[in-house]
């Protein structure tokens, strides 16, 4: 189990809640849980106990097994757990929270017993991404919620792919179910604030949309830093401006020597391939492996971004060259104007795990662009060594940009990023700005990059009432939360696979 908690971004969850919510808004708080991720459930439990200690009336909606479509992070069936008399972690958390003083009456079920959607959902006849994206429910952004979770790993980002009809129908039904049930519960219990996980995924987005329609504030809980336990924020998910303000404020408030050491530690761990969250991207790369590059030319290295992570963000893409392929094409055109420029494109190693159709189209686009060198996603060249070989690093918003800034390289960003306000990179939005940035590259603010690393190390909060050991067991105020045994988890996994297979291929696994 962890020793005394390290200092996190915020001194206390209680203090943060008091700073962002009025006493009235903290009066009756609903916390929803649609997934079985241990870190998310730990964050929910610590937040619930803290609010209860602040005299808030806390309501908990453990609805992961009650939605028409299972959540992306559903793992354990309560029925199977009951059959084998092996309670799930979800059930254990509820029991422990009741022992900690939260009433069993406040562990709420969906309030509408015989539910029918409040509004008819129109399913497009052609299920392309653009048609799905336009779907709405009671004014809420239903389509983007559906597109956040793909039917399988081979679902491409292109508009010519047609999504499985049963998948879209069930996802739409599940969104509507959560929206209606959450909105009804808000009204029945006079809920004054809602807390959801992340706010990005199907059911969490539905609950957040219901709260927004009711005019109450929304908190989002999430993964914390590498050395903190969880995050919780009043800011909207993917509000990168707000996130960067937090970074700068955190850096400003921290002891100077410690903040630079901590922030640098995050970058050092990544260059040494030690960051557990980055390992899948660098596992095929050999530390220190470089490429031969000319010594008499300006080396421009473009690091691509993982497109699916940004495609569904609600942004004006015309401000970002209309997409990554257009941006890198423009970069190549600019480099060809200068005989002393040498363009290297490093395709994101995440492409190794992406849909084959998307990878094929990206590789074709790079082939047409004709850089001087293309390092494909499967190459064992070390991205961090390549970064140090560059005279200028260009990216569409990849984290590589802020890593290059830490390495004291001039960085140009052509797309949306979570570090454009930190002063560590130059953002460009048109061809003339790009040309100027390449001709006279500028070093960014190193401290701005370090503030990013500091946030990644200590983002959010340390647990106050929860402990989580190396075996991912949770302890609530010293009491261990019991979990289901292996047979329950194995049978639940079979149930999960069959559920999603039916939605992808039809009742008997045959394409319809």
Protein backbone atom coordinates (compact mmCIF):
# COMPACT_ATOMS: atom_id res chain seq x y z
CA UNK A 1 0.00 0.00 0.00
CA UNK A 2 1.15 3.56 -0.62
CA UNK A 3 3.03 5.50 2.04
CA UNK A 4 1.98 9.00 3.06
CA UNK A 5 0.51 10.67 -0.04
CA UNK A 6 2.73 13.00 -2.02
CA UNK A 7 1.65 16.58 -2.51
CA UNK A 8 -0.89 16.73 -5.34
CA UNK A 9 -2.12 19.64 -7.44
CA UNK A 10 -4.86 20.44 -4.91
CA UNK A 11 -4.29 20.41 -1.17
CA UNK A 12 -7.67 18.86 -0.43
CA UNK A 13 -10.80 17.74 -2.20
CA UNK A 14 -12.89 19.50 0.45
CA UNK A 15 -11.19 22.81 -0.27
CA UNK A 16 -11.60 22.40 -4.01
CA UNK A 17 -15.31 21.57 -3.73
CA UNK A 18 -15.83 24.62 -1.53
CA UNK A 19 -14.04 26.78 -4.11
CA UNK A 20 -16.07 25.68 -7.16
CA UNK A 21 -19.51 24.95 -5.67
CA UNK A 22 -21.69 27.12 -3.48
CA UNK A 23 -23.23 25.59 -0.32
CA UNK A 24 -26.53 25.36 -2.20
CA UNK A 25 -24.91 23.54 -5.12
CA UNK A 26 -23.28 21.07 -2.71
CA UNK A 27 -26.56 20.40 -0.97
CA UNK A 28 -27.77 17.34 -2.92
CA UNK A 29 -25.11 15.77 -5.16
CA UNK A 30 -25.65 12.84 -7.51
CA UNK A 31 -22.64 10.70 -8.46
CA UNK A 32 -23.08 8.31 -11.38
CA UNK A 33 -21.01 5.23 -12.21
CA UNK A 34 -21.39 3.35 -15.49
CA UNK A 35 -18.02 1.58 -15.62
CA UNK A 36 -16.04 -0.90 -13.54
CA UNK A 37 -12.60 0.68 -13.78
CA UNK A 38 -11.01 0.53 -10.34
CA UNK A 39 -9.48 4.03 -10.51
CA UNK A 40 -12.84 5.54 -11.47
CA UNK A 41 -14.67 3.75 -8.68
CA UNK A 42 -11.98 4.79 -6.20
CA UNK A 43 -12.41 8.43 -7.23
CA UNK A 44 -16.18 8.15 -6.92
CA UNK A 45 -15.96 6.61 -3.43
CA UNK A 46 -13.50 9.22 -2.11
CA UNK A 47 -15.61 12.05 -3.54
CA UNK A 48 -18.82 10.59 -2.07
CA UNK A 49 -17.33 10.27 1.42
CA UNK A 50 -15.82 13.76 1.30
CA UNK A 51 -19.14 15.29 0.27
CA UNK A 52 -20.92 13.35 3.00
CA UNK A 53 -18.41 14.67 5.56
CA UNK A 54 -19.27 18.17 4.30
CA UNK A 55 -22.92 17.48 5.19
CA UNK A 56 -24.00 17.11 1.57
CA UNK A 57 -26.83 14.73 0.80
CA UNK A 58 -25.07 12.22 -1.46
CA UNK A 59 -26.88 10.07 -4.02
CA UNK A 60 -25.08 7.25 -5.83
CA UNK A 61 -26.25 5.76 -9.12
CA UNK A 62 -24.38 2.51 -9.81
CA UNK A 63 -26.04 1.87 -13.15
CA UNK A 64 -23.34 0.00 -15.07
CA UNK A 65 -25.50 -3.12 -15.33
CA UNK A 66 -28.81 -1.31 -15.83
CA UNK A 67 -28.25 0.35 -19.23
CA UNK A 68 -29.57 -1.21 -22.47
CA UNK A 69 -26.04 -1.25 -23.88
CA UNK A 70 -23.17 -2.26 -21.64
CA UNK A 71 -20.57 0.41 -21.03
CA UNK A 72 -17.15 0.14 -22.64
CA UNK A 73 -15.63 -0.58 -19.21
CA UNK A 74 -18.26 -3.02 -17.90
CA UNK A 75 -16.63 -6.14 -16.44
CA UNK A 76 -18.81 -7.88 -13.85
CA UNK A 77 -22.38 -9.13 -13.92
CA UNK A 78 -24.20 -8.71 -10.58
CA UNK A 79 -26.44 -11.68 -11.43
CA UNK A 80 -23.50 -13.99 -12.00
CA UNK A 81 -21.84 -12.59 -8.86
CA UNK A 82 -25.00 -13.34 -6.88
CA UNK A 83 -25.28 -16.84 -8.37
CA UNK A 84 -21.79 -17.73 -7.19
CA UNK A 85 -22.12 -15.76 -3.94
CA UNK A 86 -19.09 -13.72 -4.88
CA UNK A 87 -20.01 -10.01 -4.68
CA UNK A 88 -18.52 -7.62 -7.22
CA UNK A 89 -16.31 -4.64 -6.39
CA UNK A 90 -19.27 -2.39 -7.21
CA UNK A 91 -21.39 -4.19 -4.61
CA UNK A 92 -18.51 -4.10 -2.14
CA UNK A 93 -18.11 -0.34 -2.55
CA UNK A 94 -21.81 0.20 -1.91
CA UNK A 95 -21.64 -1.92 1.24
CA UNK A 96 -18.56 -0.10 2.52
CA UNK A 97 -20.05 3.33 1.79
CA UNK A 98 -23.15 2.40 3.76
CA UNK A 99 -20.93 1.37 6.67
CA UNK A 100 -19.31 4.80 6.33
CA UNK A 101 -22.63 6.55 6.85
CA UNK A 102 -24.20 6.96 3.40
CA UNK A 103 -27.77 5.71 3.57
CA UNK A 104 -28.78 2.66 1.54
CA UNK A 105 -31.81 4.69 0.41
CA UNK A 106 -29.39 6.98 -1.41
CA UNK A 107 -28.04 4.12 -3.57
CA UNK A 108 -30.60 4.96 -6.22
CA UNK A 109 -32.00 2.87 -9.06
CA UNK A 110 -33.25 4.34 -12.34
CA UNK A 111 -36.49 6.05 -11.24
CA UNK A 112 -38.67 5.34 -14.30
CA UNK A 113 -39.74 1.71 -13.95
CA UNK A 114 -41.41 1.21 -17.32
CA UNK A 115 -39.20 3.42 -19.40
CA UNK A 116 -39.97 4.59 -22.90
CA UNK A 117 -37.89 7.27 -24.57
CA UNK A 118 -39.30 10.76 -24.12
CA UNK A 119 -38.58 11.58 -27.73
CA UNK A 120 -38.33 9.44 -30.85
CA UNK A 121 -34.77 8.91 -32.03
CA UNK A 122 -34.34 9.12 -35.78
CA UNK A 123 -31.79 6.60 -37.00
CA UNK A 124 -30.28 7.66 -40.36
CA UNK A 125 -30.83 5.32 -43.28
CA UNK A 126 -27.12 5.53 -44.13
CA UNK A 127 -25.00 5.06 -41.03
CA UNK A 128 -21.88 7.01 -41.98
CA UNK A 129 -19.91 8.96 -39.37
CA UNK A 130 -21.25 12.30 -40.59
CA UNK A 131 -24.87 11.11 -40.45
CA UNK A 132 -24.40 9.61 -37.00
CA UNK A 133 -22.65 12.77 -35.79
CA UNK A 134 -25.77 14.80 -36.62
CA UNK A 135 -28.06 12.68 -34.38
CA UNK A 136 -29.67 14.47 -31.43
CA UNK A 137 -31.82 13.51 -28.46
CA UNK A 138 -33.81 16.15 -26.57
CA UNK A 139 -31.36 18.70 -27.92
CA UNK A 140 -28.33 16.73 -26.70
CA UNK A 141 -25.35 15.69 -28.83
CA UNK A 142 -26.28 12.01 -29.16
CA UNK A 143 -24.24 11.33 -32.30
CA UNK A 144 -20.86 12.36 -30.97
CA UNK A 145 -21.47 10.22 -27.87
CA UNK A 146 -22.09 7.17 -30.10
CA UNK A 147 -18.92 7.83 -32.10
CA UNK A 148 -16.72 7.86 -29.00
CA UNK A 149 -16.82 4.05 -28.72
CA UNK A 150 -16.17 2.04 -31.88
CA UNK A 151 -17.78 -1.35 -32.63
CA UNK A 152 -14.30 -2.89 -32.96
CA UNK A 153 -10.65 -2.01 -33.41
CA UNK A 154 -10.99 -2.04 -37.20
CA UNK A 155 -13.64 0.70 -37.37
CA UNK A 156 -12.09 3.39 -39.60
CA UNK A 157 -12.49 7.14 -39.24
CA UNK A 158 -13.56 7.53 -42.86
CA UNK A 159 -17.08 8.50 -43.84
CA UNK A 160 -17.50 5.69 -46.36
CA UNK A 161 -17.61 3.06 -43.60
CA UNK A 162 -21.17 2.18 -42.52
CA UNK A 163 -21.68 1.41 -38.85
CA UNK A 164 -23.66 -1.69 -37.75
CA UNK A 165 -27.33 -0.75 -37.46
CA UNK A 166 -27.98 -2.74 -34.27
CA UNK A 167 -24.98 -1.07 -32.64
CA UNK A 168 -26.21 2.45 -33.42
CA UNK A 169 -29.81 1.63 -32.43
CA UNK A 170 -28.79 0.15 -29.08
CA UNK A 171 -26.32 2.94 -28.36
CA UNK A 172 -29.01 5.54 -29.12
CA UNK A 173 -31.48 3.70 -26.87
CA UNK A 174 -28.91 3.52 -24.06
CA UNK A 175 -28.11 7.23 -24.33
CA UNK A 176 -31.81 8.10 -24.22
CA UNK A 177 -32.35 5.78 -21.23
CA UNK A 178 -29.58 7.42 -19.20
CA UNK A 179 -30.64 10.94 -20.21
CA UNK A 180 -34.28 10.40 -19.23
CA UNK A 181 -33.51 8.54 -16.01
CA UNK A 182 -30.93 11.08 -14.89
CA UNK A 183 -33.17 14.02 -15.67
CA UNK A 184 -36.07 12.41 -13.82
CA UNK A 185 -33.89 11.70 -10.79
CA UNK A 186 -32.60 15.28 -10.78
CA UNK A 187 -36.19 16.55 -10.65
CA UNK A 188 -37.52 14.02 -8.12
CA UNK A 189 -34.68 14.44 -5.64
CA UNK A 190 -33.97 18.14 -6.31
CA UNK A 191 -30.37 17.31 -7.22
CA UNK A 192 -28.13 20.39 -7.13
CA UNK A 193 -24.96 19.00 -8.74
CA UNK A 194 -23.93 15.97 -10.82
CA UNK A 195 -20.58 14.13 -10.89
CA UNK A 196 -19.79 11.85 -13.85
CA UNK A 197 -16.74 9.93 -15.01
CA UNK A 198 -14.77 11.87 -17.65
CA UNK A 199 -17.87 13.11 -19.51
CA UNK A 200 -16.63 11.67 -22.79
CA UNK A 201 -18.22 8.23 -23.10
CA UNK A 202 -21.75 7.32 -24.13
CA UNK A 203 -23.53 7.07 -20.77
CA UNK A 204 -21.51 9.74 -18.99
CA UNK A 205 -22.23 12.18 -21.82
CA UNK A 206 -25.93 11.38 -21.56
CA UNK A 207 -26.00 12.02 -17.80
CA UNK A 208 -24.02 15.25 -18.24
CA UNK A 209 -26.39 16.40 -20.99
CA UNK A 210 -29.36 15.80 -18.68
CA UNK A 211 -27.71 17.84 -15.92
CA UNK A 212 -26.90 20.62 -18.36
CA UNK A 213 -30.52 20.76 -19.48
CA UNK A 214 -31.55 21.01 -15.82
CA UNK A 215 -29.13 23.90 -15.27
CA UNK A 216 -27.04 22.31 -12.52
CA UNK A 217 -23.21 22.20 -12.36
CA UNK A 218 -21.31 19.13 -13.53
CA UNK A 219 -18.14 17.69 -12.00
CA UNK A 220 -16.00 15.19 -13.91
CA UNK A 221 -13.79 12.66 -12.12
CA UNK A 222 -10.95 10.93 -13.91
CA UNK A 223 -7.46 9.44 -13.76
CA UNK A 224 -4.96 11.48 -11.78
CA UNK A 225 -1.23 11.97 -12.38
CA UNK A 226 1.46 9.32 -12.21
CA UNK A 227 2.05 10.17 -8.54
CA UNK A 228 -1.44 11.30 -7.52
CA UNK A 229 -4.63 9.29 -7.24
CA UNK A 230 -7.46 10.92 -9.19
CA UNK A 231 -8.69 14.11 -10.76
CA UNK A 232 -11.98 15.92 -10.31
CA UNK A 233 -12.81 19.17 -12.04
CA UNK A 234 -15.63 21.59 -12.73
CA UNK A 235 -14.15 22.24 -16.19
CA UNK A 236 -15.58 20.59 -19.29
CA UNK A 237 -13.84 17.54 -20.66
CA UNK A 238 -11.34 18.49 -23.39
CA UNK A 239 -11.32 22.14 -22.31
CA UNK A 240 -7.61 22.37 -23.01
CA UNK A 241 -7.47 26.10 -22.29
CA UNK A 242 -8.75 25.48 -18.76
CA UNK A 243 -6.31 22.58 -18.34
CA UNK A 244 -3.37 24.79 -19.32
CA UNK A 245 -4.46 27.50 -16.89
CA UNK A 246 -4.30 24.82 -14.22
CA UNK A 247 -0.82 23.86 -15.36
CA UNK A 248 0.47 27.41 -15.18
CA UNK A 249 -1.20 28.05 -11.83
CA UNK A 250 0.16 24.81 -10.41
CA UNK A 251 3.70 25.65 -11.55
CA UNK A 252 3.46 29.15 -10.13
CA UNK A 253 2.33 27.89 -6.70
CA UNK A 254 4.95 25.13 -6.37
CA UNK A 255 8.38 25.37 -4.73
CA UNK A 256 10.75 26.27 -7.63
CA UNK A 257 13.35 23.52 -7.35
CA UNK A 258 10.84 20.76 -6.65
CA UNK A 259 8.53 21.78 -9.49
CA UNK A 260 11.35 21.66 -12.05
CA UNK A 261 12.58 18.31 -10.75
CA UNK A 262 9.08 16.81 -10.73
CA UNK A 263 8.09 18.18 -14.12
CA UNK A 264 11.39 17.03 -15.63
CA UNK A 265 10.88 13.56 -14.13
CA UNK A 266 7.83 13.00 -16.33
CA UNK A 267 9.80 13.76 -19.50
CA UNK A 268 12.79 11.70 -18.36
CA UNK A 269 10.61 8.67 -17.70
CA UNK A 270 9.19 8.90 -21.20
CA UNK A 271 12.57 9.24 -22.90
CA UNK A 272 13.67 6.14 -20.96
CA UNK A 273 10.47 4.31 -21.97
CA UNK A 274 9.40 3.98 -18.32
CA UNK A 275 6.05 5.81 -18.39
CA UNK A 276 3.43 3.03 -18.10
CA UNK A 277 0.88 5.09 -20.04
CA UNK A 278 3.28 5.51 -22.96
CA UNK A 279 4.75 2.01 -23.14
CA UNK A 280 2.45 0.71 -25.85
CA UNK A 281 3.64 3.53 -28.12
CA UNK A 282 7.36 2.93 -27.66
CA UNK A 283 7.54 -0.82 -27.05
CA UNK A 284 8.79 -1.46 -30.61
CA UNK A 285 11.40 1.31 -30.44
CA UNK A 286 15.04 0.84 -29.48
CA UNK A 287 16.26 3.45 -27.01
CA UNK A 288 18.91 5.62 -28.61
CA UNK A 289 18.42 4.34 -32.15
CA UNK A 290 18.84 7.18 -34.67
CA UNK A 291 18.86 7.60 -38.45
CA UNK A 292 21.47 9.01 -40.79
CA UNK A 293 20.68 12.61 -41.67
CA UNK A 294 22.52 15.20 -43.78
CA UNK A 295 24.71 17.62 -41.85
CA UNK A 296 24.40 20.50 -44.32
CA UNK A 297 20.62 20.91 -44.19
CA UNK A 298 17.97 22.13 -41.75
CA UNK A 299 16.30 18.99 -40.39
CA UNK A 300 12.51 19.42 -40.07
CA UNK A 301 10.88 16.50 -38.26
CA UNK A 302 7.11 16.13 -38.31
CA UNK A 303 5.59 13.91 -35.61
CA UNK A 304 2.04 12.90 -36.50
CA UNK A 305 -0.82 12.89 -34.00
CA UNK A 306 -3.15 9.99 -33.26
CA UNK A 307 -6.12 11.20 -35.31
CA UNK A 308 -8.95 9.36 -33.57
CA UNK A 309 -8.16 11.09 -30.27
CA UNK A 310 -9.04 14.50 -31.68
CA UNK A 311 -11.42 13.90 -34.58
CA UNK A 312 -14.62 14.12 -32.50
CA UNK A 313 -13.64 17.26 -30.62
CA UNK A 314 -16.06 20.09 -31.25
CA UNK A 315 -13.59 22.38 -33.03
CA UNK A 316 -13.53 24.62 -36.08
CA UNK A 317 -11.25 22.47 -38.21
CA UNK A 318 -10.80 25.23 -40.81
CA UNK A 319 -8.60 26.92 -38.23
CA UNK A 320 -6.33 23.87 -38.29
CA UNK A 321 -5.77 23.45 -42.04
CA UNK A 322 -8.87 21.28 -42.39
CA UNK A 323 -7.17 18.22 -40.90
CA UNK A 324 -3.80 16.61 -40.37
CA UNK A 325 -3.26 15.34 -43.93
CA UNK A 326 -3.72 18.87 -45.30
CA UNK A 327 -1.39 20.28 -42.65
CA UNK A 328 1.48 17.89 -43.37
CA UNK A 329 0.95 18.34 -47.11
CA UNK A 330 1.35 22.11 -46.72
CA UNK A 331 4.48 21.55 -44.64
CA UNK A 332 5.97 19.39 -47.39
CA UNK A 333 5.18 22.05 -50.01
CA UNK A 334 6.93 24.69 -47.91
CA UNK A 335 9.98 22.48 -47.40
CA UNK A 336 10.29 21.87 -51.14
CA UNK A 337 10.66 25.62 -51.65
CA UNK A 338 13.94 25.55 -49.72
CA UNK A 339 16.74 23.28 -50.99
CA UNK A 340 18.38 23.40 -47.57
CA UNK A 341 15.30 21.96 -45.79
CA UNK A 342 15.17 18.20 -45.17
CA UNK A 343 11.75 16.83 -44.13
CA UNK A 344 11.38 13.71 -42.01
CA UNK A 345 7.90 12.42 -41.14
CA UNK A 346 7.57 10.16 -38.11
CA UNK A 347 4.17 8.40 -38.22
CA UNK A 348 2.66 7.91 -34.78
CA UNK A 349 3.42 4.41 -33.44
CA UNK A 350 -0.19 4.22 -32.30
CA UNK A 351 -0.99 3.52 -35.97
CA UNK A 352 0.23 -0.02 -35.30
CA UNK A 353 -2.96 -0.57 -33.33
CA UNK A 354 -5.35 1.38 -35.54
CA UNK A 355 -7.84 0.19 -38.21
CA UNK A 356 -6.05 -1.15 -41.27
CA UNK A 357 -8.09 1.08 -43.58
CA UNK A 358 -7.07 4.24 -41.71
CA UNK A 359 -3.42 3.17 -41.70
CA UNK A 360 -3.52 2.38 -45.42
CA UNK A 361 -4.98 5.79 -46.26
CA UNK A 362 -2.48 7.60 -44.06
CA UNK A 363 0.44 5.73 -45.62
CA UNK A 364 -0.90 6.56 -49.11
CA UNK A 365 -1.16 10.24 -48.15
CA UNK A 366 2.47 10.25 -46.95
CA UNK A 367 3.55 8.48 -50.13
CA UNK A 368 1.89 11.22 -52.19
CA UNK A 369 3.46 13.94 -50.04
CA UNK A 370 6.95 12.49 -50.70
CA UNK A 371 8.98 13.58 -47.67
CA UNK A 372 12.74 13.08 -47.75
CA UNK A 373 12.36 10.28 -45.20
CA UNK A 374 9.27 8.59 -43.78
CA UNK A 375 9.63 6.57 -40.59
CA UNK A 376 6.63 4.27 -40.45
CA UNK A 377 4.72 3.29 -37.28
CA UNK A 378 6.51 -0.07 -37.07
CA UNK A 379 10.06 1.27 -37.23
CA UNK A 380 12.35 0.70 -34.23
CA UNK A 381 13.81 4.22 -34.49
CA UNK A 382 13.60 5.97 -31.11
CA UNK A 383 11.31 8.98 -31.37
CA UNK A 384 13.19 10.78 -28.59
CA UNK A 385 16.56 10.34 -30.30
CA UNK A 386 15.02 11.52 -33.57
CA UNK A 387 13.66 14.55 -31.72
CA UNK A 388 17.17 15.46 -30.56
CA UNK A 389 18.42 15.15 -34.16
CA UNK A 390 15.89 17.73 -35.38
CA UNK A 391 16.56 21.40 -35.96
CA UNK A 392 12.81 22.09 -35.88
CA UNK A 393 10.00 19.86 -34.63
CA UNK A 394 6.55 20.20 -36.20
CA UNK A 395 3.40 18.44 -35.04
CA UNK A 396 -0.37 18.57 -35.32
CA UNK A 397 -0.82 18.56 -31.56
CA UNK A 398 0.93 15.38 -30.49
CA UNK A 399 2.39 15.28 -26.98
CA UNK A 400 5.71 14.98 -28.83
CA UNK A 401 5.52 18.74 -29.31
CA UNK A 402 5.75 19.57 -25.62
CA UNK A 403 8.38 16.84 -25.17
CA UNK A 404 10.48 18.48 -27.90
CA UNK A 405 10.05 21.84 -26.17
CA UNK A 406 11.40 20.29 -22.97
CA UNK A 407 14.37 19.03 -25.04
CA UNK A 408 14.90 22.72 -25.96
CA UNK A 409 13.95 22.32 -29.60
CA UNK A 410 11.94 24.92 -31.55
CA UNK A 411 8.41 23.53 -31.91
CA UNK A 412 5.71 24.47 -34.43
CA UNK A 413 2.13 23.31 -33.80
CA UNK A 414 -0.31 23.17 -36.73
CA UNK A 415 -3.32 21.67 -34.94
CA UNK A 416 -5.16 21.67 -31.59
CA UNK A 417 -3.01 20.87 -28.56
CA UNK A 418 -2.99 20.89 -24.78
CA UNK A 419 0.13 23.07 -24.64
CA UNK A 420 -0.44 25.94 -27.11
CA UNK A 421 -0.97 28.43 -24.24
CA UNK A 422 2.17 27.44 -22.32
CA UNK A 423 4.59 29.49 -24.41
CA UNK A 424 6.65 26.42 -25.26
CA UNK A 425 5.64 26.17 -28.94
CA UNK A 426 4.68 28.42 -31.84
CA UNK A 427 1.17 27.90 -33.17
CA UNK A 428 0.52 28.58 -36.86
CA UNK A 429 -2.81 28.79 -38.69
CA UNK A 430 -1.85 29.61 -42.29
CA UNK A 431 0.90 29.10 -44.86
CA UNK A 432 2.63 32.44 -44.28
CA UNK A 433 2.85 31.88 -40.51
CA UNK A 434 4.26 28.41 -41.15
CA UNK A 435 6.88 29.77 -43.58
CA UNK A 436 7.97 32.44 -41.11
CA UNK A 437 8.21 29.96 -38.24
CA UNK A 438 10.38 27.63 -40.33
CA UNK A 439 12.70 30.39 -41.57
CA UNK A 440 13.29 31.83 -38.10
CA UNK A 441 12.56 29.05 -35.58
CA UNK A 442 12.16 30.18 -31.98
CA UNK A 443 12.89 28.30 -28.81
CA UNK A 444 9.87 28.09 -26.54
CA UNK A 445 9.60 28.66 -22.82
CA UNK A 446 11.19 25.64 -21.11
CA UNK A 447 9.28 26.35 -17.90
CA UNK A 448 6.03 26.14 -19.86
CA UNK A 449 6.91 22.61 -20.93
CA UNK A 450 7.88 21.69 -17.37
CA UNK A 451 4.49 22.91 -16.11
CA UNK A 452 2.92 20.32 -18.42
CA UNK A 453 5.11 17.58 -16.92
CA UNK A 454 4.32 18.72 -13.38
CA UNK A 455 0.59 18.40 -14.11
CA UNK A 456 1.09 14.91 -15.56
CA UNK A 457 2.90 13.84 -12.39
CA UNK A 458 0.64 15.31 -9.69
CA UNK A 459 -2.67 16.18 -11.38
CA UNK A 460 -5.72 16.31 -9.15
CA UNK A 461 -5.84 14.84 -5.66
CA UNK A 462 -4.43 12.26 -3.31
CA UNK A 463 -6.96 9.94 -1.72
CA UNK A 464 -8.19 11.01 1.70
CA UNK A 465 -10.48 8.11 2.58
CA UNK A 466 -9.32 5.47 0.09
CA UNK A 467 -6.22 3.38 -0.39
CA UNK A 468 -5.36 1.31 -3.46
CA UNK A 469 -2.61 -1.28 -3.30
CA UNK A 470 -0.39 -2.76 -6.02
CA UNK A 471 -2.94 -5.54 -6.62
CA UNK A 472 -5.59 -2.90 -7.43
CA UNK A 473 -7.55 -3.65 -4.28
CA UNK A 474 -9.47 -0.75 -2.75
CA UNK A 475 -9.68 -0.01 0.97
CA UNK A 476 -12.32 2.42 2.23
CA UNK A 477 -11.23 3.89 5.56
CA UNK A 478 -9.20 0.74 6.25
CA UNK A 479 -11.88 -1.77 5.21
CA UNK A 480 -10.99 -3.86 2.15
CA UNK A 481 -13.50 -3.86 -0.68
CA UNK A 482 -14.10 -7.48 -1.66
CA UNK A 483 -14.21 -8.45 -5.30
CA UNK A 484 -15.70 -11.29 -7.30
CA UNK A 485 -13.67 -14.41 -7.90
CA UNK A 486 -12.15 -15.52 -11.19
CA UNK A 487 -15.09 -17.64 -12.33
CA UNK A 488 -17.48 -14.67 -12.01
CA UNK A 489 -15.14 -12.44 -13.99
CA UNK A 490 -14.58 -15.08 -16.66
CA UNK A 491 -18.30 -15.74 -17.14
CA UNK A 492 -19.01 -12.00 -17.14
CA UNK A 493 -16.37 -11.55 -19.83
CA UNK A 494 -18.12 -14.15 -21.99
CA UNK A 495 -21.41 -12.30 -21.46
CA UNK A 496 -19.74 -9.03 -22.45
CA UNK A 497 -18.24 -10.46 -25.63
CA UNK A 498 -21.54 -12.00 -26.70
CA UNK A 499 -23.38 -8.74 -26.00
CA UNK A 500 -21.11 -6.69 -28.24
CA UNK A 501 -20.86 -9.42 -30.88
CA UNK A 502 -24.64 -9.43 -31.21
CA UNK A 503 -24.64 -5.66 -31.67
CA UNK A 504 -21.93 -5.86 -34.31
CA UNK A 505 -23.20 -8.82 -36.30
CA UNK A 506 -26.76 -9.66 -35.34
CA UNK A 507 -28.33 -12.21 -33.01
CA UNK A 508 -26.34 -15.19 -34.22
CA UNK A 509 -23.15 -13.43 -35.24
CA UNK A 510 -24.22 -13.15 -38.88
CA UNK A 511 -23.83 -9.79 -40.60
CA UNK A 512 -27.18 -8.15 -41.30
